[in-house]
Amino acid sequence: MRINLSGTKWAAYAAAAIAVAGLSAGVVRAQSGHDHAAADASAQKKNGNELVATVRRATARFFDVEVATNEGYLPQFGCVSGSDFGAMGMHFVNGPLVFDGELDANKPEIVIYEPQPDGKLKLVGADFLVLADQWNATHDGPPQLMGQLFHLFEAPNRFGLPAFYTLHVWAWKESPTGTFVNWHSNISCDAFNGDKQ
C-alpha cells in the first residue's frame, strides 16, 4: 500500500514527528537532570543534618537559660511572631558575636527559646546573623554555613537593624516547613509575658 501525501500534509506530519522526538529527548534530559537534582538534594540533606548536629552540640548547654545569659546571650525583641505563619520565639542575642562579622557553626549569634505556659523557656533553635554591609565588604556572595544559604533581611525591618543575613536552625523543635526556614509554624508566643520571662 502506498500513501500519497500532499506537501501541506507531509509538512504537518513531519512537524509532528519532530515535536514528538523533541519531547522524548526532553524527557530523557529531564530524567538526567532529575538524577542530578536528587544527588544535590541528598548532599544538601546530609549537610543540613551535619549542621543540625553541630548546632545541637554547640547549644545543648543552653537548655538552662541562665547558662546562656552568663555567656552573654541577652533577650532582644520580645517574642517574635508572624501575622499568620507562626513565630520565631524569643531571641537571646550575643552582641559581640553579631558584630564580629564572622560565622561559626559552633558559635551561634543568637539562641532561640519558646515561652511555655508554666513561665519557663524551652530552647528550640539557633540563629546565625551577620550584618550585610559587613559581610558584603569582604565576600562576593551571600553567606552559607555548611551548605545552607542565608536569608537577607532588608532595612528598614521590624528589628531596627541595618540589612542583615540570617539563618535559623530549628535544631531542638522540628519544623513541618523545614529546618532552616525563618518562621516556625509550630512555635507560639502565646505564653510570652515579658522580656525577662
N, C-alpha and C. Protein backbone atom coordinates (compact mmCIF):
# COMPACT_ATOMS: atom_id res chain seq x y z
N MET A 1 0.85 -1.17 0.00
CA MET A 1 0.00 0.00 0.00
C MET A 1 0.89 1.23 0.00
N ARG A 2 0.55 2.14 -0.84
CA ARG A 2 1.32 3.36 -0.96
C ARG A 2 0.50 4.54 -0.48
N ILE A 3 1.12 5.39 0.39
CA ILE A 3 0.42 6.57 0.90
C ILE A 3 0.94 7.78 0.16
N ASN A 4 0.01 8.54 -0.39
CA ASN A 4 0.38 9.74 -1.13
C ASN A 4 -0.09 10.96 -0.33
N LEU A 5 0.86 11.73 0.17
CA LEU A 5 0.51 12.92 0.97
C LEU A 5 0.83 14.18 0.18
N SER A 6 -0.04 15.15 0.30
CA SER A 6 0.24 16.44 -0.34
C SER A 6 1.37 17.13 0.43
N GLY A 7 1.95 18.12 -0.11
CA GLY A 7 3.05 18.85 0.52
C GLY A 7 2.66 19.41 1.87
N THR A 8 1.44 19.94 2.01
CA THR A 8 0.99 20.53 3.27
C THR A 8 0.83 19.46 4.33
N LYS A 9 0.21 18.33 3.95
CA LYS A 9 0.03 17.25 4.92
C LYS A 9 1.39 16.68 5.33
N TRP A 10 2.27 16.52 4.37
CA TRP A 10 3.60 15.97 4.66
C TRP A 10 4.33 16.88 5.66
N ALA A 11 4.27 18.16 5.47
CA ALA A 11 4.92 19.11 6.38
C ALA A 11 4.32 19.02 7.78
N ALA A 12 3.00 18.86 7.85
CA ALA A 12 2.34 18.75 9.15
C ALA A 12 2.78 17.48 9.87
N TYR A 13 2.84 16.35 9.14
CA TYR A 13 3.28 15.09 9.77
C TYR A 13 4.75 15.17 10.20
N ALA A 14 5.56 15.78 9.37
CA ALA A 14 6.98 15.91 9.70
C ALA A 14 7.16 16.78 10.95
N ALA A 15 6.40 17.87 11.03
CA ALA A 15 6.48 18.74 12.20
C ALA A 15 6.04 18.00 13.46
N ALA A 16 4.98 17.18 13.34
CA ALA A 16 4.51 16.42 14.49
C ALA A 16 5.56 15.40 14.92
N ALA A 17 6.18 14.74 13.95
CA ALA A 17 7.21 13.74 14.28
C ALA A 17 8.40 14.40 14.98
N ILE A 18 8.80 15.57 14.49
CA ILE A 18 9.92 16.28 15.11
C ILE A 18 9.54 16.71 16.53
N ALA A 19 8.32 17.16 16.71
CA ALA A 19 7.86 17.59 18.05
C ALA A 19 7.87 16.41 19.01
N VAL A 20 7.38 15.25 18.57
CA VAL A 20 7.38 14.06 19.44
C VAL A 20 8.80 13.66 19.77
N ALA A 21 9.68 13.69 18.78
CA ALA A 21 11.08 13.35 19.04
C ALA A 21 11.70 14.34 20.03
N GLY A 22 11.38 15.60 19.86
CA GLY A 22 11.89 16.61 20.78
C GLY A 22 11.39 16.41 22.19
N LEU A 23 10.10 16.05 22.31
CA LEU A 23 9.54 15.78 23.64
C LEU A 23 10.22 14.59 24.27
N SER A 24 10.47 13.55 23.49
CA SER A 24 11.13 12.37 24.03
C SER A 24 12.52 12.71 24.53
N ALA A 25 13.25 13.49 23.75
CA ALA A 25 14.59 13.89 24.17
C ALA A 25 14.51 14.75 25.43
N GLY A 26 13.48 15.60 25.48
CA GLY A 26 13.31 16.43 26.67
C GLY A 26 13.04 15.61 27.90
N VAL A 27 12.30 14.53 27.74
CA VAL A 27 12.03 13.65 28.87
C VAL A 27 13.32 13.01 29.35
N VAL A 28 14.15 12.58 28.40
CA VAL A 28 15.43 11.98 28.77
C VAL A 28 16.29 13.01 29.48
N ARG A 29 16.34 14.24 28.95
CA ARG A 29 17.14 15.27 29.60
C ARG A 29 16.61 15.58 30.99
N ALA A 30 15.30 15.66 31.11
CA ALA A 30 14.72 15.96 32.42
C ALA A 30 15.04 14.85 33.40
N GLN A 31 14.99 13.61 32.94
CA GLN A 31 15.29 12.50 33.83
C GLN A 31 16.74 12.55 34.28
N SER A 32 17.65 12.88 33.34
CA SER A 32 19.04 13.01 33.72
C SER A 32 19.21 14.12 34.74
N GLY A 33 18.55 15.25 34.49
CA GLY A 33 18.62 16.36 35.43
C GLY A 33 18.03 15.98 36.78
N HIS A 34 17.00 15.14 36.75
CA HIS A 34 16.36 14.70 37.98
C HIS A 34 17.35 13.91 38.84
N ASP A 35 18.12 13.03 38.22
CA ASP A 35 19.11 12.25 38.97
C ASP A 35 20.12 13.19 39.63
N HIS A 36 20.54 14.21 38.87
CA HIS A 36 21.49 15.17 39.40
C HIS A 36 20.86 15.96 40.55
N ALA A 37 19.61 16.35 40.38
CA ALA A 37 18.91 17.09 41.43
C ALA A 37 18.76 16.23 42.68
N ALA A 38 18.48 14.95 42.49
CA ALA A 38 18.36 14.05 43.64
C ALA A 38 19.68 13.94 44.39
N ALA A 39 20.78 13.87 43.63
CA ALA A 39 22.10 13.81 44.27
C ALA A 39 22.38 15.09 45.03
N ASP A 40 22.03 16.26 44.42
CA ASP A 40 22.20 17.54 45.10
C ASP A 40 21.36 17.61 46.37
N ALA A 41 20.11 17.15 46.28
CA ALA A 41 19.21 17.17 47.44
C ALA A 41 19.75 16.27 48.54
N SER A 42 20.30 15.13 48.15
CA SER A 42 20.87 14.20 49.14
C SER A 42 22.07 14.84 49.84
N ALA A 43 22.93 15.49 49.06
CA ALA A 43 24.10 16.16 49.65
C ALA A 43 23.65 17.31 50.55
N GLN A 44 22.62 18.06 50.12
CA GLN A 44 22.13 19.17 50.94
C GLN A 44 21.54 18.64 52.25
N LYS A 45 20.79 17.53 52.17
CA LYS A 45 20.21 16.96 53.38
C LYS A 45 21.31 16.49 54.33
N LYS A 46 22.36 15.86 53.77
CA LYS A 46 23.47 15.41 54.61
C LYS A 46 24.12 16.60 55.29
N ASN A 47 24.40 17.68 54.51
CA ASN A 47 24.99 18.88 55.10
C ASN A 47 24.06 19.50 56.14
N GLY A 48 22.75 19.51 55.83
CA GLY A 48 21.78 20.04 56.78
C GLY A 48 21.77 19.25 58.08
N ASN A 49 21.83 17.93 57.95
CA ASN A 49 21.87 17.08 59.15
C ASN A 49 23.14 17.33 59.95
N GLU A 50 24.26 17.54 59.25
CA GLU A 50 25.52 17.84 59.94
C GLU A 50 25.44 19.19 60.66
N LEU A 51 24.81 20.17 60.02
CA LEU A 51 24.67 21.48 60.65
C LEU A 51 23.78 21.38 61.89
N VAL A 52 22.68 20.64 61.79
CA VAL A 52 21.80 20.46 62.95
C VAL A 52 22.57 19.79 64.08
N ALA A 53 23.33 18.75 63.78
CA ALA A 53 24.10 18.05 64.81
C ALA A 53 25.13 18.99 65.45
N THR A 54 25.77 19.81 64.63
CA THR A 54 26.75 20.77 65.15
C THR A 54 26.07 21.78 66.07
N VAL A 55 24.92 22.30 65.64
CA VAL A 55 24.19 23.28 66.46
C VAL A 55 23.74 22.64 67.76
N ARG A 56 23.30 21.41 67.71
CA ARG A 56 22.89 20.74 68.96
C ARG A 56 24.06 20.61 69.93
N ARG A 57 25.21 20.20 69.41
CA ARG A 57 26.39 20.09 70.29
C ARG A 57 26.77 21.45 70.86
N ALA A 58 26.68 22.50 70.03
CA ALA A 58 27.11 23.84 70.46
C ALA A 58 26.13 24.49 71.42
N THR A 59 24.86 24.08 71.40
CA THR A 59 23.85 24.79 72.20
C THR A 59 23.21 23.95 73.31
N ALA A 60 23.53 22.70 73.43
CA ALA A 60 22.87 21.83 74.42
C ALA A 60 22.95 22.42 75.83
N ARG A 61 24.03 23.07 76.15
CA ARG A 61 24.17 23.66 77.50
C ARG A 61 23.18 24.80 77.73
N PHE A 62 22.61 25.35 76.65
CA PHE A 62 21.70 26.48 76.78
C PHE A 62 20.26 26.07 77.08
N PHE A 63 20.02 24.78 77.29
CA PHE A 63 18.70 24.41 77.81
C PHE A 63 18.46 25.13 79.13
N ASP A 64 19.54 25.39 79.84
CA ASP A 64 19.48 26.21 81.05
C ASP A 64 19.70 27.66 80.59
N VAL A 65 18.64 28.46 80.60
CA VAL A 65 18.71 29.84 80.12
C VAL A 65 19.77 30.63 80.87
N GLU A 66 19.97 30.32 82.14
CA GLU A 66 20.97 31.05 82.93
C GLU A 66 22.37 30.86 82.36
N VAL A 67 22.66 29.69 81.83
CA VAL A 67 23.96 29.45 81.19
C VAL A 67 24.10 30.37 79.98
N ALA A 68 23.04 30.49 79.20
CA ALA A 68 23.08 31.38 78.03
C ALA A 68 23.33 32.82 78.45
N THR A 69 22.60 33.30 79.45
CA THR A 69 22.77 34.69 79.87
C THR A 69 24.16 34.92 80.46
N ASN A 70 24.68 33.92 81.18
CA ASN A 70 26.04 34.04 81.73
C ASN A 70 27.10 34.09 80.63
N GLU A 71 26.78 33.56 79.46
CA GLU A 71 27.71 33.58 78.33
C GLU A 71 27.45 34.77 77.39
N GLY A 72 26.62 35.71 77.84
CA GLY A 72 26.43 36.95 77.08
C GLY A 72 25.23 36.97 76.14
N TYR A 73 24.37 35.98 76.20
CA TYR A 73 23.16 35.97 75.37
C TYR A 73 22.04 36.65 76.15
N LEU A 74 21.56 37.77 75.62
CA LEU A 74 20.54 38.55 76.33
C LEU A 74 19.29 38.69 75.47
N PRO A 75 18.10 38.69 76.11
CA PRO A 75 16.85 38.77 75.34
C PRO A 75 16.72 40.10 74.60
N GLN A 76 16.30 40.01 73.34
CA GLN A 76 16.07 41.17 72.50
C GLN A 76 14.77 40.95 71.73
N PHE A 77 14.07 42.00 71.42
CA PHE A 77 12.91 41.99 70.52
C PHE A 77 11.67 41.33 71.08
N GLY A 78 11.60 41.00 72.35
CA GLY A 78 10.43 40.32 72.90
C GLY A 78 10.29 38.93 72.31
N CYS A 79 9.07 38.52 72.05
CA CYS A 79 8.82 37.23 71.40
C CYS A 79 8.36 37.55 69.98
N VAL A 80 9.10 37.12 69.00
CA VAL A 80 8.86 37.48 67.60
C VAL A 80 7.85 36.52 66.99
N SER A 81 6.71 37.07 66.59
CA SER A 81 5.68 36.25 65.95
C SER A 81 5.30 36.87 64.61
N GLY A 82 4.78 36.03 63.72
CA GLY A 82 4.34 36.49 62.41
C GLY A 82 2.83 36.67 62.41
N SER A 83 2.34 37.28 61.36
CA SER A 83 0.91 37.55 61.29
C SER A 83 0.09 36.28 61.09
N ASP A 84 0.60 35.35 60.30
CA ASP A 84 -0.18 34.14 60.05
C ASP A 84 0.68 32.93 59.69
N PHE A 85 1.97 33.00 59.97
CA PHE A 85 2.84 31.90 59.59
C PHE A 85 3.70 31.41 60.74
N GLY A 86 3.23 31.52 61.95
CA GLY A 86 3.98 31.01 63.09
C GLY A 86 4.77 32.09 63.79
N ALA A 87 5.87 31.69 64.38
CA ALA A 87 6.69 32.61 65.15
C ALA A 87 8.16 32.21 65.04
N MET A 88 9.00 33.08 65.58
CA MET A 88 10.41 32.75 65.73
C MET A 88 10.72 32.47 67.19
N GLY A 89 9.96 33.07 68.08
CA GLY A 89 10.22 32.89 69.50
C GLY A 89 11.05 34.03 70.06
N MET A 90 11.66 33.76 71.21
CA MET A 90 12.46 34.76 71.91
C MET A 90 13.92 34.61 71.52
N HIS A 91 14.51 35.70 71.07
CA HIS A 91 15.90 35.72 70.64
C HIS A 91 16.79 36.20 71.78
N PHE A 92 17.72 35.38 72.17
CA PHE A 92 18.74 35.78 73.13
C PHE A 92 20.01 36.02 72.31
N VAL A 93 20.42 37.29 72.25
CA VAL A 93 21.45 37.74 71.30
C VAL A 93 22.78 37.95 72.01
N ASN A 94 23.84 37.46 71.39
CA ASN A 94 25.20 37.72 71.87
C ASN A 94 25.77 38.83 70.99
N GLY A 95 25.72 40.07 71.47
CA GLY A 95 26.14 41.24 70.71
C GLY A 95 27.53 41.14 70.12
N PRO A 96 28.55 40.79 70.91
CA PRO A 96 29.89 40.70 70.33
C PRO A 96 29.97 39.71 69.16
N LEU A 97 29.23 38.61 69.22
CA LEU A 97 29.24 37.67 68.10
C LEU A 97 28.53 38.26 66.87
N VAL A 98 27.46 39.02 67.10
CA VAL A 98 26.75 39.65 65.98
C VAL A 98 27.67 40.62 65.25
N PHE A 99 28.43 41.39 65.98
CA PHE A 99 29.21 42.47 65.38
C PHE A 99 30.63 42.08 65.01
N ASP A 100 31.01 40.79 65.18
CA ASP A 100 32.37 40.40 64.80
C ASP A 100 32.51 40.11 63.30
N GLY A 101 31.39 40.05 62.57
CA GLY A 101 31.44 39.84 61.13
C GLY A 101 31.81 38.44 60.69
N GLU A 102 31.84 37.49 61.63
CA GLU A 102 32.23 36.12 61.32
C GLU A 102 31.08 35.17 61.60
N LEU A 103 31.12 34.03 60.94
CA LEU A 103 30.13 32.99 61.17
C LEU A 103 30.84 31.70 61.54
N ASP A 104 30.35 31.06 62.58
CA ASP A 104 30.93 29.81 63.06
C ASP A 104 29.79 28.94 63.56
N ALA A 105 29.64 27.76 62.98
CA ALA A 105 28.54 26.86 63.36
C ALA A 105 28.57 26.49 64.83
N ASN A 106 29.72 26.61 65.46
CA ASN A 106 29.84 26.29 66.89
C ASN A 106 29.56 27.48 67.80
N LYS A 107 29.33 28.65 67.20
CA LYS A 107 29.09 29.86 67.99
C LYS A 107 27.94 30.67 67.37
N PRO A 108 26.71 30.23 67.57
CA PRO A 108 25.60 31.00 67.01
C PRO A 108 25.50 32.37 67.66
N GLU A 109 25.14 33.35 66.86
CA GLU A 109 24.97 34.71 67.37
C GLU A 109 23.74 34.82 68.28
N ILE A 110 22.78 33.93 68.06
CA ILE A 110 21.51 34.00 68.78
C ILE A 110 21.05 32.60 69.15
N VAL A 111 20.53 32.43 70.35
CA VAL A 111 19.83 31.20 70.71
C VAL A 111 18.35 31.56 70.89
N ILE A 112 17.49 30.64 70.49
CA ILE A 112 16.06 30.95 70.42
C ILE A 112 15.27 30.05 71.38
N TYR A 113 14.37 30.69 72.11
CA TYR A 113 13.54 29.99 73.09
C TYR A 113 12.06 30.21 72.78
N GLU A 114 11.26 29.23 73.15
CA GLU A 114 9.81 29.37 73.08
C GLU A 114 9.27 29.47 74.49
N PRO A 115 8.49 30.53 74.78
CA PRO A 115 7.91 30.65 76.12
C PRO A 115 6.87 29.55 76.35
N GLN A 116 6.90 28.97 77.54
CA GLN A 116 5.99 27.88 77.90
C GLN A 116 4.90 28.39 78.85
N PRO A 117 3.75 27.73 78.88
CA PRO A 117 2.65 28.17 79.75
C PRO A 117 3.04 28.23 81.23
N ASP A 118 4.03 27.42 81.66
CA ASP A 118 4.44 27.43 83.07
C ASP A 118 5.44 28.54 83.38
N GLY A 119 5.72 29.40 82.37
CA GLY A 119 6.65 30.51 82.59
C GLY A 119 8.08 30.18 82.24
N LYS A 120 8.38 28.94 81.96
CA LYS A 120 9.75 28.55 81.59
C LYS A 120 9.97 28.79 80.11
N LEU A 121 11.25 28.74 79.73
CA LEU A 121 11.62 28.88 78.33
C LEU A 121 12.21 27.57 77.82
N LYS A 122 11.80 27.19 76.62
CA LYS A 122 12.29 25.95 76.01
C LYS A 122 13.19 26.31 74.83
N LEU A 123 14.42 25.80 74.85
CA LEU A 123 15.34 26.01 73.74
C LEU A 123 14.79 25.31 72.49
N VAL A 124 14.68 26.06 71.38
CA VAL A 124 14.13 25.48 70.16
C VAL A 124 15.09 25.57 68.98
N GLY A 125 16.08 26.46 69.05
CA GLY A 125 16.98 26.58 67.92
C GLY A 125 18.03 27.65 68.11
N ALA A 126 18.71 27.94 67.01
CA ALA A 126 19.74 28.97 66.99
C ALA A 126 19.58 29.78 65.72
N ASP A 127 20.14 30.97 65.75
CA ASP A 127 20.09 31.85 64.60
C ASP A 127 21.49 32.40 64.38
N PHE A 128 21.95 32.29 63.14
CA PHE A 128 23.25 32.84 62.76
C PHE A 128 22.97 34.13 62.02
N LEU A 129 23.65 35.19 62.38
CA LEU A 129 23.34 36.51 61.85
C LEU A 129 24.63 37.28 61.61
N VAL A 130 24.70 37.95 60.47
CA VAL A 130 25.81 38.84 60.17
C VAL A 130 25.24 40.05 59.42
N LEU A 131 25.74 41.22 59.75
CA LEU A 131 25.28 42.44 59.08
C LEU A 131 25.69 42.39 57.61
N ALA A 132 24.78 42.76 56.73
CA ALA A 132 25.01 42.63 55.29
C ALA A 132 26.20 43.48 54.82
N ASP A 133 26.26 44.74 55.26
CA ASP A 133 27.37 45.60 54.83
C ASP A 133 28.71 45.03 55.26
N GLN A 134 28.75 44.52 56.47
CA GLN A 134 29.99 43.95 56.99
C GLN A 134 30.40 42.71 56.18
N TRP A 135 29.43 41.85 55.88
CA TRP A 135 29.72 40.65 55.11
C TRP A 135 30.09 41.00 53.66
N ASN A 136 29.28 41.85 53.04
CA ASN A 136 29.49 42.18 51.63
C ASN A 136 30.82 42.88 51.37
N ALA A 137 31.36 43.54 52.38
CA ALA A 137 32.63 44.25 52.21
C ALA A 137 33.79 43.29 51.96
N THR A 138 33.65 42.05 52.39
CA THR A 138 34.77 41.11 52.26
C THR A 138 34.41 39.82 51.53
N HIS A 139 33.19 39.72 51.00
CA HIS A 139 32.76 38.49 50.32
C HIS A 139 32.02 38.85 49.03
N ASP A 140 32.09 37.93 48.05
CA ASP A 140 31.45 38.16 46.76
C ASP A 140 29.98 37.76 46.72
N GLY A 141 29.53 36.91 47.63
CA GLY A 141 28.16 36.45 47.62
C GLY A 141 27.61 36.33 49.02
N PRO A 142 26.35 35.95 49.12
CA PRO A 142 25.73 35.82 50.44
C PRO A 142 26.37 34.68 51.23
N PRO A 143 26.28 34.74 52.54
CA PRO A 143 26.90 33.69 53.36
C PRO A 143 26.18 32.35 53.25
N GLN A 144 26.96 31.32 53.48
CA GLN A 144 26.46 29.95 53.58
C GLN A 144 27.14 29.33 54.79
N LEU A 145 26.44 28.42 55.42
CA LEU A 145 27.02 27.69 56.54
C LEU A 145 26.74 26.22 56.31
N MET A 146 27.78 25.47 56.09
CA MET A 146 27.67 24.03 55.82
C MET A 146 26.65 23.76 54.71
N GLY A 147 26.70 24.58 53.66
CA GLY A 147 25.84 24.38 52.50
C GLY A 147 24.49 25.05 52.58
N GLN A 148 24.14 25.65 53.69
CA GLN A 148 22.83 26.32 53.83
C GLN A 148 22.99 27.81 53.57
N LEU A 149 22.24 28.31 52.59
CA LEU A 149 22.30 29.70 52.19
C LEU A 149 21.48 30.57 53.15
N PHE A 150 22.03 31.71 53.52
CA PHE A 150 21.37 32.63 54.44
C PHE A 150 20.29 33.43 53.72
N HIS A 151 19.33 33.92 54.50
CA HIS A 151 18.27 34.81 54.02
C HIS A 151 18.70 36.25 54.27
N LEU A 152 18.31 37.15 53.37
CA LEU A 152 18.61 38.57 53.55
C LEU A 152 17.39 39.29 54.08
N PHE A 153 17.55 40.00 55.18
CA PHE A 153 16.51 40.89 55.71
C PHE A 153 16.95 42.31 55.36
N GLU A 154 16.17 42.98 54.54
CA GLU A 154 16.48 44.35 54.14
C GLU A 154 16.18 45.32 55.29
N ALA A 155 16.70 46.52 55.18
CA ALA A 155 16.38 47.59 56.13
C ALA A 155 15.49 48.59 55.40
N PRO A 156 14.55 49.20 56.08
CA PRO A 156 14.23 49.02 57.50
C PRO A 156 13.50 47.69 57.72
N ASN A 157 13.61 47.21 58.94
CA ASN A 157 12.96 45.96 59.31
C ASN A 157 12.40 46.09 60.72
N ARG A 158 11.61 45.13 61.13
CA ARG A 158 10.95 45.19 62.43
C ARG A 158 11.90 45.16 63.61
N PHE A 159 13.17 44.80 63.38
CA PHE A 159 14.13 44.70 64.46
C PHE A 159 14.93 45.98 64.66
N GLY A 160 14.78 46.93 63.73
CA GLY A 160 15.52 48.18 63.82
C GLY A 160 16.99 48.02 63.49
N LEU A 161 17.33 46.97 62.78
CA LEU A 161 18.73 46.70 62.42
C LEU A 161 19.00 47.12 60.99
N PRO A 162 20.27 47.39 60.69
CA PRO A 162 20.61 47.56 59.27
C PRO A 162 20.39 46.22 58.57
N ALA A 163 20.41 46.19 57.25
CA ALA A 163 20.21 44.95 56.49
C ALA A 163 21.15 43.87 57.05
N PHE A 164 20.62 42.65 57.13
CA PHE A 164 21.44 41.56 57.67
C PHE A 164 21.08 40.24 57.00
N TYR A 165 22.02 39.31 57.06
CA TYR A 165 21.81 37.94 56.62
C TYR A 165 21.54 37.09 57.85
N THR A 166 20.63 36.14 57.70
CA THR A 166 20.28 35.30 58.84
C THR A 166 19.99 33.87 58.39
N LEU A 167 20.29 32.94 59.27
CA LEU A 167 19.96 31.54 59.04
C LEU A 167 19.47 30.95 60.36
N HIS A 168 18.18 30.63 60.40
CA HIS A 168 17.62 29.95 61.57
C HIS A 168 17.87 28.46 61.43
N VAL A 169 18.19 27.83 62.52
CA VAL A 169 18.37 26.37 62.55
C VAL A 169 17.49 25.85 63.69
N TRP A 170 16.38 25.23 63.32
CA TRP A 170 15.44 24.72 64.32
C TRP A 170 15.93 23.34 64.77
N ALA A 171 16.99 23.34 65.56
CA ALA A 171 17.68 22.12 65.95
C ALA A 171 16.98 21.37 67.07
N TRP A 172 16.16 22.05 67.84
CA TRP A 172 15.57 21.42 69.02
C TRP A 172 14.05 21.27 68.94
N LYS A 173 13.44 21.76 67.89
CA LYS A 173 12.00 21.57 67.68
C LYS A 173 11.76 21.44 66.19
N GLU A 174 11.30 20.28 65.77
CA GLU A 174 11.11 20.02 64.35
C GLU A 174 10.08 20.96 63.75
N SER A 175 10.42 21.50 62.59
CA SER A 175 9.52 22.40 61.88
C SER A 175 8.93 21.67 60.68
N PRO A 176 7.61 21.67 60.55
CA PRO A 176 6.99 20.98 59.41
C PRO A 176 7.29 21.63 58.07
N THR A 177 7.75 22.87 58.07
CA THR A 177 8.04 23.55 56.80
C THR A 177 9.53 23.62 56.50
N GLY A 178 10.37 23.00 57.33
CA GLY A 178 11.80 22.95 57.06
C GLY A 178 12.63 23.37 58.24
N THR A 179 13.81 22.81 58.30
CA THR A 179 14.73 23.06 59.41
C THR A 179 15.34 24.45 59.37
N PHE A 180 15.42 25.06 58.18
CA PHE A 180 16.15 26.31 58.03
C PHE A 180 15.27 27.48 57.59
N VAL A 181 13.98 27.38 57.81
CA VAL A 181 13.07 28.47 57.47
C VAL A 181 13.12 29.54 58.56
N ASN A 182 12.74 30.76 58.21
CA ASN A 182 12.73 31.84 59.21
C ASN A 182 11.62 31.66 60.23
N TRP A 183 10.43 31.30 59.76
CA TRP A 183 9.27 31.22 60.64
C TRP A 183 8.93 29.77 60.91
N HIS A 184 8.72 29.44 62.16
CA HIS A 184 8.38 28.07 62.59
C HIS A 184 6.88 28.02 62.86
N SER A 185 6.17 27.20 62.09
CA SER A 185 4.71 27.18 62.21
C SER A 185 4.21 26.53 63.50
N ASN A 186 5.08 25.86 64.24
CA ASN A 186 4.66 25.22 65.50
C ASN A 186 5.26 25.90 66.72
N ILE A 187 5.71 27.12 66.57
CA ILE A 187 6.18 27.91 67.72
C ILE A 187 5.17 29.02 67.95
N SER A 188 4.92 29.29 69.21
CA SER A 188 3.92 30.29 69.57
C SER A 188 4.49 31.25 70.62
N CYS A 189 4.03 32.47 70.56
CA CYS A 189 4.36 33.46 71.58
C CYS A 189 3.20 33.66 72.56
N ASP A 190 2.20 32.80 72.51
CA ASP A 190 1.00 32.94 73.36
C ASP A 190 1.34 33.02 74.84
N ALA A 191 2.36 32.30 75.27
CA ALA A 191 2.69 32.25 76.70
C ALA A 191 3.69 33.35 77.10
N PHE A 192 4.08 34.19 76.17
CA PHE A 192 5.05 35.25 76.46
C PHE A 192 4.44 36.28 77.40
N ASN A 193 5.18 36.62 78.48
CA ASN A 193 4.67 37.61 79.42
C ASN A 193 5.70 38.70 79.74
N GLY A 194 6.62 38.93 78.87
CA GLY A 194 7.61 39.99 79.07
C GLY A 194 9.01 39.52 78.77
N ASP A 195 9.91 40.47 78.53
CA ASP A 195 11.30 40.15 78.15
C ASP A 195 12.03 39.30 79.16
N LYS A 196 11.74 39.45 80.42
CA LYS A 196 12.52 38.77 81.48
C LYS A 196 11.79 37.53 81.98
N GLN A 197 11.24 36.78 81.10
CA GLN A 197 10.41 35.64 81.48
C GLN A 197 11.14 34.66 82.36
